[in-house]
Amino acid sequence: MKKFKIHKIALVTVACSMSLMFASPVFALQASAATPPSSETVSPYADVLSWVYERRGNEVWKCLYNTTTGEWVGDWVYVGEVGSGEMP
């Protein structure tokens, strides 16, 4: 009988300890965007460049275009030839 009482107390102690181990407080933080204190607009540091392709007959040419400033960068570069059904 005494052995049963000790096992019961030990079981209750372990159960309480395990419940305290898994119960943790939850801290919720509100997410907000970081804004620089001195400026209200965002300006990019690097230019955005994209390739523009052009078909001239069966030939394909490409040239680099700066979409930030609206200017062409460099010369047109020959890419290769295409068949009549490969490129619209």
PDB file of N, CA and C in Angstrom:
ATOM      1  N   MET A   1       0.812  -1.192   0.000  1.00  0.00           N
ATOM      2  CA  MET A   1       0.000   0.000   0.000  1.00  0.00           C
ATOM      3  C   MET A   1       0.861   1.263   0.000  1.00  0.00           C
ATOM      4  N   LYS A   2       1.929   1.269   0.786  1.00  0.00           N
ATOM      5  CA  LYS A   2       2.810   2.412   0.860  1.00  0.00           C
ATOM      6  C   LYS A   2       3.550   2.604  -0.467  1.00  0.00           C
ATOM      7  N   LYS A   3       3.888   1.473  -1.118  1.00  0.00           N
ATOM      8  CA  LYS A   3       4.583   1.520  -2.390  1.00  0.00           C
ATOM      9  C   LYS A   3       3.682   2.148  -3.457  1.00  0.00           C
ATOM     10  N   PHE A   4       2.398   1.818  -3.424  1.00  0.00           N
ATOM     11  CA  PHE A   4       1.437   2.364  -4.365  1.00  0.00           C
ATOM     12  C   PHE A   4       1.297   3.877  -4.178  1.00  0.00           C
ATOM     13  N   LYS A   5       1.305   4.347  -2.947  1.00  0.00           N
ATOM     14  CA  LYS A   5       1.177   5.767  -2.646  1.00  0.00           C
ATOM     15  C   LYS A   5       2.403   6.533  -3.142  1.00  0.00           C
ATOM     16  N   ILE A   6       3.589   5.951  -3.015  1.00  0.00           N
ATOM     17  CA  ILE A   6       4.822   6.593  -3.479  1.00  0.00           C
ATOM     18  C   ILE A   6       4.815   6.684  -5.003  1.00  0.00           C
ATOM     19  N   HIS A   7       4.370   5.611  -5.670  1.00  0.00           N
ATOM     20  CA  HIS A   7       4.285   5.629  -7.128  1.00  0.00           C
ATOM     21  C   HIS A   7       3.270   6.667  -7.610  1.00  0.00           C
ATOM     22  N   LYS A   8       2.160   6.790  -6.892  1.00  0.00           N
ATOM     23  CA  LYS A   8       1.128   7.752  -7.264  1.00  0.00           C
ATOM     24  C   LYS A   8       1.659   9.183  -7.127  1.00  0.00           C
ATOM     25  N   ILE A   9       2.369   9.477  -6.050  1.00  0.00           N
ATOM     26  CA  ILE A   9       2.936  10.811  -5.834  1.00  0.00           C
ATOM     27  C   ILE A   9       3.999  11.104  -6.892  1.00  0.00           C
ATOM     28  N   ALA A  10       4.811  10.099  -7.203  1.00  0.00           N
ATOM     29  CA  ALA A  10       5.847  10.283  -8.219  1.00  0.00           C
ATOM     30  C   ALA A  10       5.213  10.548  -9.586  1.00  0.00           C
ATOM     31  N   LEU A  11       4.150   9.835  -9.916  1.00  0.00           N
ATOM     32  CA  LEU A  11       3.472  10.015 -11.188  1.00  0.00           C
ATOM     33  C   LEU A  11       2.854  11.409 -11.286  1.00  0.00           C
ATOM     34  N   VAL A  12       2.224  11.861 -10.209  1.00  0.00           N
ATOM     35  CA  VAL A  12       1.628  13.201 -10.204  1.00  0.00           C
ATOM     36  C   VAL A  12       2.721  14.262 -10.330  1.00  0.00           C
ATOM     37  N   THR A  13       3.839  14.078  -9.655  1.00  0.00           N
ATOM     38  CA  THR A  13       4.953  15.025  -9.718  1.00  0.00           C
ATOM     39  C   THR A  13       5.522  15.105 -11.134  1.00  0.00           C
ATOM     40  N   VAL A  14       5.698  13.958 -11.767  1.00  0.00           N
ATOM     41  CA  VAL A  14       6.222  13.928 -13.132  1.00  0.00           C
ATOM     42  C   VAL A  14       5.231  14.577 -14.096  1.00  0.00           C
ATOM     43  N   ALA A  15       3.949  14.315 -13.921  1.00  0.00           N
ATOM     44  CA  ALA A  15       2.935  14.906 -14.795  1.00  0.00           C
ATOM     45  C   ALA A  15       2.909  16.423 -14.647  1.00  0.00           C
ATOM     46  N   CYS A  16       2.994  16.917 -13.428  1.00  0.00           N
ATOM     47  CA  CYS A  16       3.014  18.372 -13.210  1.00  0.00           C
ATOM     48  C   CYS A  16       4.274  19.001 -13.797  1.00  0.00           C
ATOM     49  N   SER A  17       5.388  18.340 -13.627  1.00  0.00           N
ATOM     50  CA  SER A  17       6.649  18.859 -14.166  1.00  0.00           C
ATOM     51  C   SER A  17       6.606  18.924 -15.690  1.00  0.00           C
ATOM     52  N   MET A  18       6.059  17.884 -16.308  1.00  0.00           N
ATOM     53  CA  MET A  18       5.973  17.859 -17.769  1.00  0.00           C
ATOM     54  C   MET A  18       5.015  18.937 -18.273  1.00  0.00           C
ATOM     55  N   SER A  19       3.915  19.175 -17.562  1.00  0.00           N
ATOM     56  CA  SER A  19       2.974  20.201 -18.013  1.00  0.00           C
ATOM     57  C   SER A  19       3.594  21.591 -17.890  1.00  0.00           C
ATOM     58  N   LEU A  20       4.425  21.831 -16.893  1.00  0.00           N
ATOM     59  CA  LEU A  20       5.097  23.119 -16.758  1.00  0.00           C
ATOM     60  C   LEU A  20       6.189  23.296 -17.806  1.00  0.00           C
ATOM     61  N   MET A  21       6.784  22.187 -18.208  1.00  0.00           N
ATOM     62  CA  MET A  21       7.849  22.261 -19.195  1.00  0.00           C
ATOM     63  C   MET A  21       7.300  22.673 -20.567  1.00  0.00           C
ATOM     64  N   PHE A  22       6.095  22.222 -20.923  1.00  0.00           N
ATOM     65  CA  PHE A  22       5.523  22.525 -22.221  1.00  0.00           C
ATOM     66  C   PHE A  22       4.689  23.788 -22.229  1.00  0.00           C
ATOM     67  N   ALA A  23       4.366  24.335 -21.087  1.00  0.00           N
ATOM     68  CA  ALA A  23       3.592  25.572 -21.031  1.00  0.00           C
ATOM     69  C   ALA A  23       4.561  26.738 -20.962  1.00  0.00           C
ATOM     70  N   SER A  24       4.611  27.522 -22.033  1.00  0.00           N
ATOM     71  CA  SER A  24       5.503  28.677 -22.039  1.00  0.00           C
ATOM     72  C   SER A  24       4.705  29.897 -22.455  1.00  0.00           C
ATOM     73  N   PRO A  25       5.070  31.052 -21.974  1.00  0.00           N
ATOM     74  CA  PRO A  25       4.325  32.255 -22.353  1.00  0.00           C
ATOM     75  C   PRO A  25       4.570  32.606 -23.817  1.00  0.00           C
ATOM     76  N   VAL A  26       3.565  33.185 -24.450  1.00  0.00           N
ATOM     77  CA  VAL A  26       3.658  33.580 -25.845  1.00  0.00           C
ATOM     78  C   VAL A  26       3.775  35.085 -25.900  1.00  0.00           C
ATOM     79  N   PHE A  27       4.819  35.553 -26.550  1.00  0.00           N
ATOM     80  CA  PHE A  27       5.027  36.979 -26.708  1.00  0.00           C
ATOM     81  C   PHE A  27       4.777  37.335 -28.161  1.00  0.00           C
ATOM     82  N   ALA A  28       3.753  38.096 -28.416  1.00  0.00           N
ATOM     83  CA  ALA A  28       3.419  38.486 -29.784  1.00  0.00           C
ATOM     84  C   ALA A  28       3.921  39.900 -30.030  1.00  0.00           C
ATOM     85  N   LEU A  29       4.663  40.055 -31.109  1.00  0.00           N
ATOM     86  CA  LEU A  29       5.164  41.365 -31.486  1.00  0.00           C
ATOM     87  C   LEU A  29       4.502  41.785 -32.790  1.00  0.00           C
ATOM     88  N   GLN A  30       4.178  43.037 -32.881  1.00  0.00           N
ATOM     89  CA  GLN A  30       3.572  43.545 -34.095  1.00  0.00           C
ATOM     90  C   GLN A  30       4.676  43.830 -35.107  1.00  0.00           C
ATOM     91  N   ALA A  31       4.511  43.296 -36.314  1.00  0.00           N
ATOM     92  CA  ALA A  31       5.496  43.512 -37.363  1.00  0.00           C
ATOM     93  C   ALA A  31       5.263  44.862 -38.015  1.00  0.00           C
ATOM     94  N   SER A  32       6.330  45.603 -38.176  1.00  0.00           N
ATOM     95  CA  SER A  32       6.227  46.888 -38.845  1.00  0.00           C
ATOM     96  C   SER A  32       7.451  47.072 -39.732  1.00  0.00           C
ATOM     97  N   ALA A  33       7.271  47.780 -40.811  1.00  0.00           N
ATOM     98  CA  ALA A  33       8.363  48.007 -41.748  1.00  0.00           C
ATOM     99  C   ALA A  33       9.292  49.081 -41.206  1.00  0.00           C
ATOM    100  N   ALA A  34      10.566  48.871 -41.413  1.00  0.00           N
ATOM    101  CA  ALA A  34      11.553  49.853 -40.988  1.00  0.00           C
ATOM    102  C   ALA A  34      11.637  50.960 -42.025  1.00  0.00           C
ATOM    103  N   THR A  35      11.494  52.185 -41.596  1.00  0.00           N
ATOM    104  CA  THR A  35      11.581  53.318 -42.507  1.00  0.00           C
ATOM    105  C   THR A  35      12.712  54.225 -42.060  1.00  0.00           C
ATOM    106  N   PRO A  36      13.477  54.718 -43.016  1.00  0.00           N
ATOM    107  CA  PRO A  36      14.545  55.646 -42.641  1.00  0.00           C
ATOM    108  C   PRO A  36      13.948  56.931 -42.080  1.00  0.00           C
ATOM    109  N   PRO A  37      14.546  57.496 -41.070  1.00  0.00           N
ATOM    110  CA  PRO A  37      13.963  58.670 -40.430  1.00  0.00           C
ATOM    111  C   PRO A  37      14.000  59.933 -41.289  1.00  0.00           C
ATOM    112  N   SER A  38      14.962  60.048 -42.234  1.00  0.00           N
ATOM    113  CA  SER A  38      15.116  61.302 -42.953  1.00  0.00           C
ATOM    114  C   SER A  38      14.455  61.327 -44.328  1.00  0.00           C
ATOM    115  N   SER A  39      14.072  60.171 -44.870  1.00  0.00           N
ATOM    116  CA  SER A  39      13.498  60.178 -46.215  1.00  0.00           C
ATOM    117  C   SER A  39      12.154  59.472 -46.227  1.00  0.00           C
ATOM    118  N   GLU A  40      11.286  59.919 -47.120  1.00  0.00           N
ATOM    119  CA  GLU A  40       9.963  59.314 -47.236  1.00  0.00           C
ATOM    120  C   GLU A  40       9.829  58.451 -48.467  1.00  0.00           C
ATOM    121  N   THR A  41      10.700  58.616 -49.461  1.00  0.00           N
ATOM    122  CA  THR A  41      10.642  57.814 -50.668  1.00  0.00           C
ATOM    123  C   THR A  41      11.860  56.903 -50.725  1.00  0.00           C
ATOM    124  N   VAL A  42      11.706  55.810 -51.445  1.00  0.00           N
ATOM    125  CA  VAL A  42      12.794  54.852 -51.594  1.00  0.00           C
ATOM    126  C   VAL A  42      13.407  55.047 -52.965  1.00  0.00           C
ATOM    127  N   SER A  43      14.711  55.188 -53.013  1.00  0.00           N
ATOM    128  CA  SER A  43      15.401  55.310 -54.295  1.00  0.00           C
ATOM    129  C   SER A  43      16.361  54.138 -54.438  1.00  0.00           C
ATOM    130  N   PRO A  44      16.363  53.478 -55.598  1.00  0.00           N
ATOM    131  CA  PRO A  44      17.228  52.309 -55.768  1.00  0.00           C
ATOM    132  C   PRO A  44      18.691  52.708 -55.867  1.00  0.00           C
ATOM    133  N   TYR A  45      19.559  51.833 -55.394  1.00  0.00           N
ATOM    134  CA  TYR A  45      20.994  52.070 -55.477  1.00  0.00           C
ATOM    135  C   TYR A  45      21.568  51.598 -56.809  1.00  0.00           C
ATOM    136  N   ALA A  46      20.969  50.562 -57.400  1.00  0.00           N
ATOM    137  CA  ALA A  46      21.480  50.005 -58.642  1.00  0.00           C
ATOM    138  C   ALA A  46      20.442  50.172 -59.748  1.00  0.00           C
ATOM    139  N   ASP A  47      20.927  50.303 -60.975  1.00  0.00           N
ATOM    140  CA  ASP A  47      20.032  50.405 -62.119  1.00  0.00           C
ATOM    141  C   ASP A  47      19.451  49.033 -62.442  1.00  0.00           C
ATOM    142  N   VAL A  48      18.232  49.032 -62.967  1.00  0.00           N
ATOM    143  CA  VAL A  48      17.576  47.799 -63.383  1.00  0.00           C
ATOM    144  C   VAL A  48      17.820  47.641 -64.873  1.00  0.00           C
ATOM    145  N   LEU A  49      18.523  46.565 -65.256  1.00  0.00           N
ATOM    146  CA  LEU A  49      18.875  46.315 -66.649  1.00  0.00           C
ATOM    147  C   LEU A  49      18.117  45.103 -67.160  1.00  0.00           C
ATOM    148  N   SER A  50      17.700  45.155 -68.429  1.00  0.00           N
ATOM    149  CA  SER A  50      17.024  44.006 -69.029  1.00  0.00           C
ATOM    150  C   SER A  50      17.421  43.913 -70.497  1.00  0.00           C
ATOM    151  N   TRP A  51      17.428  42.679 -70.985  1.00  0.00           N
ATOM    152  CA  TRP A  51      17.740  42.448 -72.391  1.00  0.00           C
ATOM    153  C   TRP A  51      16.483  42.625 -73.230  1.00  0.00           C
ATOM    154  N   VAL A  52      16.602  43.327 -74.348  1.00  0.00           N
ATOM    155  CA  VAL A  52      15.512  43.503 -75.302  1.00  0.00           C
ATOM    156  C   VAL A  52      15.915  42.764 -76.577  1.00  0.00           C
ATOM    157  N   TYR A  53      15.033  41.878 -77.041  1.00  0.00           N
ATOM    158  CA  TYR A  53      15.308  41.081 -78.234  1.00  0.00           C
ATOM    159  C   TYR A  53      14.509  41.635 -79.407  1.00  0.00           C
ATOM    160  N   GLU A  54      15.118  41.574 -80.576  1.00  0.00           N
ATOM    161  CA  GLU A  54      14.464  42.052 -81.788  1.00  0.00           C
ATOM    162  C   GLU A  54      14.745  41.066 -82.917  1.00  0.00           C
ATOM    163  N   ARG A  55      13.710  40.797 -83.693  1.00  0.00           N
ATOM    164  CA  ARG A  55      13.882  39.900 -84.831  1.00  0.00           C
ATOM    165  C   ARG A  55      13.923  40.735 -86.106  1.00  0.00           C
ATOM    166  N   ARG A  56      14.978  40.519 -86.878  1.00  0.00           N
ATOM    167  CA  ARG A  56      15.161  41.201 -88.161  1.00  0.00           C
ATOM    168  C   ARG A  56      15.235  40.122 -89.235  1.00  0.00           C
ATOM    169  N   GLY A  57      14.104  39.834 -89.842  1.00  0.00           N
ATOM    170  CA  GLY A  57      14.047  38.731 -90.809  1.00  0.00           C
ATOM    171  C   GLY A  57      14.168  37.410 -90.061  1.00  0.00           C
ATOM    172  N   ASN A  58      15.191  36.626 -90.376  1.00  0.00           N
ATOM    173  CA  ASN A  58      15.460  35.373 -89.657  1.00  0.00           C
ATOM    174  C   ASN A  58      16.547  35.542 -88.615  1.00  0.00           C
ATOM    175  N   GLU A  59      17.014  36.765 -88.388  1.00  0.00           N
ATOM    176  CA  GLU A  59      18.089  37.020 -87.424  1.00  0.00           C
ATOM    177  C   GLU A  59      17.498  37.565 -86.119  1.00  0.00           C
ATOM    178  N   VAL A  60      18.129  37.190 -85.013  1.00  0.00           N
ATOM    179  CA  VAL A  60      17.729  37.692 -83.700  1.00  0.00           C
ATOM    180  C   VAL A  60      18.873  38.541 -83.150  1.00  0.00           C
ATOM    181  N   TRP A  61      18.538  39.732 -82.687  1.00  0.00           N
ATOM    182  CA  TRP A  61      19.497  40.665 -82.103  1.00  0.00           C
ATOM    183  C   TRP A  61      19.033  41.010 -80.690  1.00  0.00           C
ATOM    184  N   LYS A  62      19.984  41.362 -79.847  1.00  0.00           N
ATOM    185  CA  LYS A  62      19.627  41.775 -78.486  1.00  0.00           C
ATOM    186  C   LYS A  62      20.455  42.999 -78.094  1.00  0.00           C
ATOM    187  N   CYS A  63      19.867  43.799 -77.201  1.00  0.00           N
ATOM    188  CA  CYS A  63      20.544  44.974 -76.686  1.00  0.00           C
ATOM    189  C   CYS A  63      20.124  45.186 -75.233  1.00  0.00           C
ATOM    190  N   LEU A  64      21.053  45.650 -74.441  1.00  0.00           N
ATOM    191  CA  LEU A  64      20.780  45.877 -73.022  1.00  0.00           C
ATOM    192  C   LEU A  64      20.092  47.228 -72.847  1.00  0.00           C
ATOM    193  N   TYR A  65      18.997  47.225 -72.058  1.00  0.00           N
ATOM    194  CA  TYR A  65      18.203  48.436 -71.841  1.00  0.00           C
ATOM    195  C   TYR A  65      18.151  48.748 -70.348  1.00  0.00           C
ATOM    196  N   ASN A  66      18.448  49.979 -69.988  1.00  0.00           N
ATOM    197  CA  ASN A  66      18.391  50.434 -68.604  1.00  0.00           C
ATOM    198  C   ASN A  66      16.976  50.946 -68.343  1.00  0.00           C
ATOM    199  N   THR A  67      16.180  50.151 -67.621  1.00  0.00           N
ATOM    200  CA  THR A  67      14.794  50.544 -67.374  1.00  0.00           C
ATOM    201  C   THR A  67      14.682  51.655 -66.330  1.00  0.00           C
ATOM    202  N   THR A  68      15.714  51.871 -65.552  1.00  0.00           N
ATOM    203  CA  THR A  68      15.686  52.937 -64.552  1.00  0.00           C
ATOM    204  C   THR A  68      15.805  54.309 -65.210  1.00  0.00           C
ATOM    205  N   THR A  69      16.757  54.434 -66.136  1.00  0.00           N
ATOM    206  CA  THR A  69      16.979  55.732 -66.786  1.00  0.00           C
ATOM    207  C   THR A  69      16.308  55.837 -68.148  1.00  0.00           C
ATOM    208  N   GLY A  70      15.849  54.701 -68.723  1.00  0.00           N
ATOM    209  CA  GLY A  70      15.218  54.715 -70.036  1.00  0.00           C
ATOM    210  C   GLY A  70      16.203  54.867 -71.172  1.00  0.00           C
ATOM    211  N   GLU A  71      17.427  54.365 -71.003  1.00  0.00           N
ATOM    212  CA  GLU A  71      18.466  54.505 -72.020  1.00  0.00           C
ATOM    213  C   GLU A  71      18.972  53.142 -72.464  1.00  0.00           C
ATOM    214  N   TRP A  72      19.438  53.095 -73.714  1.00  0.00           N
ATOM    215  CA  TRP A  72      20.070  51.878 -74.227  1.00  0.00           C
ATOM    216  C   TRP A  72      21.507  51.809 -73.731  1.00  0.00           C
ATOM    217  N   VAL A  73      21.956  50.613 -73.399  1.00  0.00           N
ATOM    218  CA  VAL A  73      23.320  50.420 -72.905  1.00  0.00           C
ATOM    219  C   VAL A  73      24.057  49.562 -73.925  1.00  0.00           C
ATOM    220  N   GLY A  74      25.069  50.119 -74.566  1.00  0.00           N
ATOM    221  CA  GLY A  74      25.858  49.361 -75.522  1.00  0.00           C
ATOM    222  C   GLY A  74      25.203  49.264 -76.889  1.00  0.00           C
ATOM    223  N   ASP A  75      25.748  48.357 -77.698  1.00  0.00           N
ATOM    224  CA  ASP A  75      25.282  48.170 -79.069  1.00  0.00           C
ATOM    225  C   ASP A  75      24.448  46.904 -79.176  1.00  0.00           C
ATOM    226  N   TRP A  76      23.758  46.784 -80.327  1.00  0.00           N
ATOM    227  CA  TRP A  76      22.993  45.575 -80.586  1.00  0.00           C
ATOM    228  C   TRP A  76      23.953  44.421 -80.847  1.00  0.00           C
ATOM    229  N   VAL A  77      23.630  43.249 -80.310  1.00  0.00           N
ATOM    230  CA  VAL A  77      24.477  42.065 -80.422  1.00  0.00           C
ATOM    231  C   VAL A  77      23.710  41.002 -81.206  1.00  0.00           C
ATOM    232  N   TYR A  78      24.392  40.418 -82.200  1.00  0.00           N
ATOM    233  CA  TYR A  78      23.776  39.367 -83.009  1.00  0.00           C
ATOM    234  C   TYR A  78      23.699  38.079 -82.185  1.00  0.00           C
ATOM    235  N   VAL A  79      22.508  37.473 -82.109  1.00  0.00           N
ATOM    236  CA  VAL A  79      22.311  36.248 -81.321  1.00  0.00           C
ATOM    237  C   VAL A  79      22.370  35.026 -82.218  1.00  0.00           C
ATOM    238  N   GLY A  80      21.660  35.029 -83.337  1.00  0.00           N
ATOM    239  CA  GLY A  80      21.655  33.891 -84.229  1.00  0.00           C
ATOM    240  C   GLY A  80      20.471  33.945 -85.164  1.00  0.00           C
ATOM    241  N   GLU A  81      20.303  32.857 -85.923  1.00  0.00           N
ATOM    242  CA  GLU A  81      19.196  32.763 -86.870  1.00  0.00           C
ATOM    243  C   GLU A  81      18.142  31.808 -86.353  1.00  0.00           C
ATOM    244  N   VAL A  82      16.908  32.063 -86.757  1.00  0.00           N
ATOM    245  CA  VAL A  82      15.792  31.185 -86.387  1.00  0.00           C
ATOM    246  C   VAL A  82      15.065  30.798 -87.643  1.00  0.00           C
ATOM    247  N   GLY A  83      14.348  29.686 -87.541  1.00  0.00           N
ATOM    248  CA  GLY A  83      13.502  29.256 -88.660  1.00  0.00           C
ATOM    249  C   GLY A  83      12.218  30.032 -88.673  1.00  0.00           C
ATOM    250  N   SER A  84      11.377  29.752 -89.645  1.00  0.00           N
ATOM    251  CA  SER A  84      10.142  30.520 -89.803  1.00  0.00           C
ATOM    252  C   SER A  84       9.122  30.217 -88.714  1.00  0.00           C
ATOM    253  N   GLY A  85       9.153  29.028 -88.098  1.00  0.00           N
ATOM    254  CA  GLY A  85       8.141  28.672 -87.114  1.00  0.00           C
ATOM    255  C   GLY A  85       8.620  28.686 -85.675  1.00  0.00           C
ATOM    256  N   GLU A  86       9.856  29.077 -85.413  1.00  0.00           N
ATOM    257  CA  GLU A  86      10.398  29.003 -84.059  1.00  0.00           C
ATOM    258  C   GLU A  86      10.089  30.235 -83.220  1.00  0.00           C
ATOM    259  N   MET A  87       9.994  31.391 -83.843  1.00  0.00           N
ATOM    260  CA  MET A  87       9.796  32.619 -83.084  1.00  0.00           C
ATOM    261  C   MET A  87       8.745  33.471 -83.777  1.00  0.00           C
ATOM    262  N   PRO A  88       7.789  33.990 -83.051  1.00  0.00           N
ATOM    263  CA  PRO A  88       6.740  34.787 -83.702  1.00  0.00           C
ATOM    264  C   PRO A  88       7.254  36.109 -84.210  1.00  0.00           C
TER     265      PRO A  88
END
